[in-house]
């Protein structure tokens, strides 16, 4: 392998039915992919949590529980940074600023905490949310992984 190829990034993409039983599959898949960076347990937990929150939002809010919807995840590793994009083609978010407020939920009858976007913003280094009514929602997040090897050297 040439020196140039050693610096090339890695990527993966995943599409699955908008069914709640696929949420854990999505979390484990992203965790397995990022494991090549030798993340700490806290970093793995943070990534699994943000994936869980984003996927659950797509299923419950984007598709209103319709299992015929599709959730897409793409992940890319460049150096020590992972970029995640989680998107759906669901109904979209009417008021992004309101939706990003801590404790806000459009489904209080489901006893949702309303902390999904707050958790994503706090656990990741970068967080970008784009949504269009009738056109779905796209969340792009980045996190720098501090390898366990780096911590103990």
Protein backbone atom coordinates (compact mmCIF):
# COMPACT_ATOMS: atom_id res chain seq x y z
CA UNK A 1 0.00 0.00 0.00
CA UNK A 2 1.41 3.39 -0.92
CA UNK A 3 1.62 6.27 1.55
CA UNK A 4 -1.20 8.02 -0.33
CA UNK A 5 -3.55 5.06 0.15
CA UNK A 6 -2.82 4.97 3.88
CA UNK A 7 -4.31 8.45 4.18
CA UNK A 8 -7.45 7.65 2.17
CA UNK A 9 -10.69 7.61 4.11
CA UNK A 10 -13.10 4.78 4.61
CA UNK A 11 -16.87 4.85 4.22
CA UNK A 12 -20.00 2.78 4.52
CA UNK A 13 -23.69 3.21 3.84
CA UNK A 14 -26.73 1.42 5.13
CA UNK A 15 -30.45 1.53 4.30
CA UNK A 16 -33.14 -0.21 6.29
CA UNK A 17 -36.88 -0.30 6.87
CA UNK A 18 -38.21 2.28 9.32
CA UNK A 19 -38.99 -0.34 11.95
CA UNK A 20 -38.08 0.16 15.59
CA UNK A 21 -36.39 -3.25 15.73
CA UNK A 22 -33.78 -1.95 13.25
CA UNK A 23 -32.63 0.82 15.59
CA UNK A 24 -30.25 -1.47 17.52
CA UNK A 25 -28.92 -2.88 14.22
CA UNK A 26 -28.04 0.67 13.12
CA UNK A 27 -26.27 1.44 16.42
CA UNK A 28 -24.20 -1.73 16.37
CA UNK A 29 -23.27 -1.27 12.69
CA UNK A 30 -21.95 2.27 13.26
CA UNK A 31 -20.11 1.14 16.41
CA UNK A 32 -18.47 -1.73 14.50
CA UNK A 33 -17.45 0.62 11.67
CA UNK A 34 -15.87 3.21 13.98
CA UNK A 35 -14.03 0.52 15.97
CA UNK A 36 -11.15 0.78 13.49
CA UNK A 37 -10.28 4.10 15.16
CA UNK A 38 -9.95 2.35 18.55
CA UNK A 39 -12.42 4.65 20.33
CA UNK A 40 -12.91 4.77 24.09
CA UNK A 41 -16.03 3.18 25.59
CA UNK A 42 -17.42 6.69 26.18
CA UNK A 43 -16.97 7.59 22.51
CA UNK A 44 -18.65 4.35 21.40
CA UNK A 45 -21.53 5.00 23.81
CA UNK A 46 -21.92 8.58 22.55
CA UNK A 47 -22.00 7.43 18.91
CA UNK A 48 -24.48 4.64 19.62
CA UNK A 49 -26.69 7.11 21.50
CA UNK A 50 -26.76 9.70 18.70
CA UNK A 51 -27.49 7.02 16.10
CA UNK A 52 -30.28 5.69 18.29
CA UNK A 53 -31.79 9.16 18.74
CA UNK A 54 -31.61 10.05 15.04
CA UNK A 55 -32.98 6.71 13.82
CA UNK A 56 -35.78 6.74 16.39
CA UNK A 57 -36.73 10.29 15.33
CA UNK A 58 -36.90 9.16 11.69
CA UNK A 59 -39.10 6.20 12.54
CA UNK A 60 -41.44 7.88 15.03
CA UNK A 61 -41.60 11.44 13.72
CA UNK A 62 -40.46 11.26 10.10
CA UNK A 63 -42.52 8.27 9.09
CA UNK A 64 -45.07 8.37 11.91
CA UNK A 65 -44.39 4.68 12.55
CA UNK A 66 -44.98 3.64 8.91
CA UNK A 67 -42.61 0.65 8.40
CA UNK A 68 -42.58 1.22 4.63
CA UNK A 69 -40.28 4.21 5.09
CA UNK A 70 -36.52 3.89 4.63
CA UNK A 71 -33.83 5.26 6.92
CA UNK A 72 -30.34 5.80 5.47
CA UNK A 73 -27.06 6.07 7.31
CA UNK A 74 -23.74 6.91 5.76
CA UNK A 75 -20.50 7.14 7.68
CA UNK A 76 -17.08 8.28 6.60
CA UNK A 77 -13.78 8.18 8.41
CA UNK A 78 -11.11 10.71 7.49
CA UNK A 79 -8.07 10.62 9.74
CA UNK A 80 -9.38 10.55 13.31
CA UNK A 81 -12.84 11.95 12.51
CA UNK A 82 -16.10 10.19 11.76
CA UNK A 83 -18.88 11.92 9.85
CA UNK A 84 -22.38 10.47 10.14
CA UNK A 85 -25.34 11.35 7.94
CA UNK A 86 -28.71 9.96 8.94
CA UNK A 87 -31.67 10.76 6.74
CA UNK A 88 -35.22 9.89 5.87
CA UNK A 89 -37.71 10.92 3.21
CA UNK A 90 -40.48 11.36 5.75
CA UNK A 91 -42.78 14.25 6.48
CA UNK A 92 -40.10 16.71 7.58
CA UNK A 93 -39.96 19.10 10.52
CA UNK A 94 -42.20 22.15 10.43
CA UNK A 95 -40.25 24.35 12.88
CA UNK A 96 -36.56 23.39 13.25
CA UNK A 97 -35.81 25.90 16.00
CA UNK A 98 -38.75 24.69 18.08
CA UNK A 99 -37.84 21.03 17.46
CA UNK A 100 -34.28 21.69 18.70
CA UNK A 101 -35.49 23.10 22.02
CA UNK A 102 -34.77 20.82 24.99
CA UNK A 103 -37.87 18.93 26.20
CA UNK A 104 -39.92 19.74 23.08
CA UNK A 105 -41.67 16.77 21.52
CA UNK A 106 -44.34 16.57 18.87
CA UNK A 107 -45.47 13.23 20.34
CA UNK A 108 -46.09 13.82 24.07
CA UNK A 109 -48.61 10.97 24.08
CA UNK A 110 -45.71 8.57 23.45
CA UNK A 111 -43.89 9.89 26.53
CA UNK A 112 -40.96 11.11 24.43
CA UNK A 113 -38.35 13.10 26.38
CA UNK A 114 -37.78 15.76 23.72
CA UNK A 115 -34.01 15.60 24.25
CA UNK A 116 -32.93 13.91 20.99
CA UNK A 117 -31.47 16.90 19.17
CA UNK A 118 -29.97 18.28 22.39
CA UNK A 119 -28.20 14.96 23.00
CA UNK A 120 -26.92 14.85 19.41
CA UNK A 121 -25.58 18.41 19.62
CA UNK A 122 -23.87 17.78 22.97
CA UNK A 123 -22.32 14.41 22.13
CA UNK A 124 -20.89 15.42 18.74
CA UNK A 125 -18.34 18.05 17.68
CA UNK A 126 -20.50 19.25 14.77
CA UNK A 127 -24.25 18.95 14.26
CA UNK A 128 -26.22 20.13 11.24
CA UNK A 129 -29.95 19.61 10.77
CA UNK A 130 -31.79 20.13 7.49
CA UNK A 131 -35.47 19.37 6.99
CA UNK A 132 -38.10 20.15 4.43
CA UNK A 133 -41.84 19.66 4.87
CA UNK A 134 -42.77 16.66 2.75
CA UNK A 135 -39.13 16.15 1.79
CA UNK A 136 -37.59 14.46 4.79
CA UNK A 137 -34.86 15.22 7.29
CA UNK A 138 -31.07 15.00 7.08
CA UNK A 139 -28.78 15.11 10.11
CA UNK A 140 -25.04 15.47 9.58
CA UNK A 141 -22.74 15.04 12.56
CA UNK A 142 -18.98 14.87 13.07
CA UNK A 143 -16.88 13.64 15.95
CA UNK A 144 -13.13 13.45 16.41
CA UNK A 145 -12.17 10.13 17.99
CA UNK A 146 -9.36 10.20 20.53
CA UNK A 147 -7.99 6.69 20.26
CA UNK A 148 -7.41 4.70 23.45
CA UNK A 149 -3.82 4.28 22.25
CA UNK A 150 -3.37 8.05 22.27
CA UNK A 151 -4.76 8.28 25.80
CA UNK A 152 -2.28 5.78 27.22
CA UNK A 153 0.87 6.91 25.41
